[in-house]
């Protein structure tokens, strides 16, 4: 895509610099959450898979671990979708004013920042389902928790892919943020 502001017009470097600084800030924040999610995945692994009876028998410490896991899963999904993805597209100088989240996701796939086979769209849908966790329905709780756990390695891989794409394209591989991918659940 052609640049809206050329480097010689006085606006190009300043606008691009601000976009890249925002992208770096969002990548750094997402990276911290991804590292915490990877840690949470390891901490809840012994609880999985869950069923209704097991959900009903969970102790307070296990519930707290699962809550932290869900919070981090939700946070990382939201950060990638709402902050990192948008900042990345701004750095690519894409006009986002009339693009839906789906359009933005498809554009990130076209650019190579997201791999379609990892199914970020279904992870984003799962995030929406997490908002309605049904605290009184242990069967629904276990299903959603199991799905989030099963997709957590894909979410971490998506994070790593977006991070790698941005680092290589915009930061000459100097971001100094390690991959957060955990072993597959």
Foldseek 3Di string as FASTA:
>chain_A
DDAPDDPPPVVVVVQLVVLLVQLLVLLVVLLVLLLQLLVLLVVLVVVPQDALVSLVVDDPVNVVSLVSNLVSLLVNLCSVQPRNLVSVVVNVVDDCPPPDSVRSVVVCCVVQLAPVVLPSVVSVVLSVVVVVCPPPGSRSNSVSSNVSSQSSLSSLVSSQSNVVVCCVPPVVVPSPRDRNHHPHD
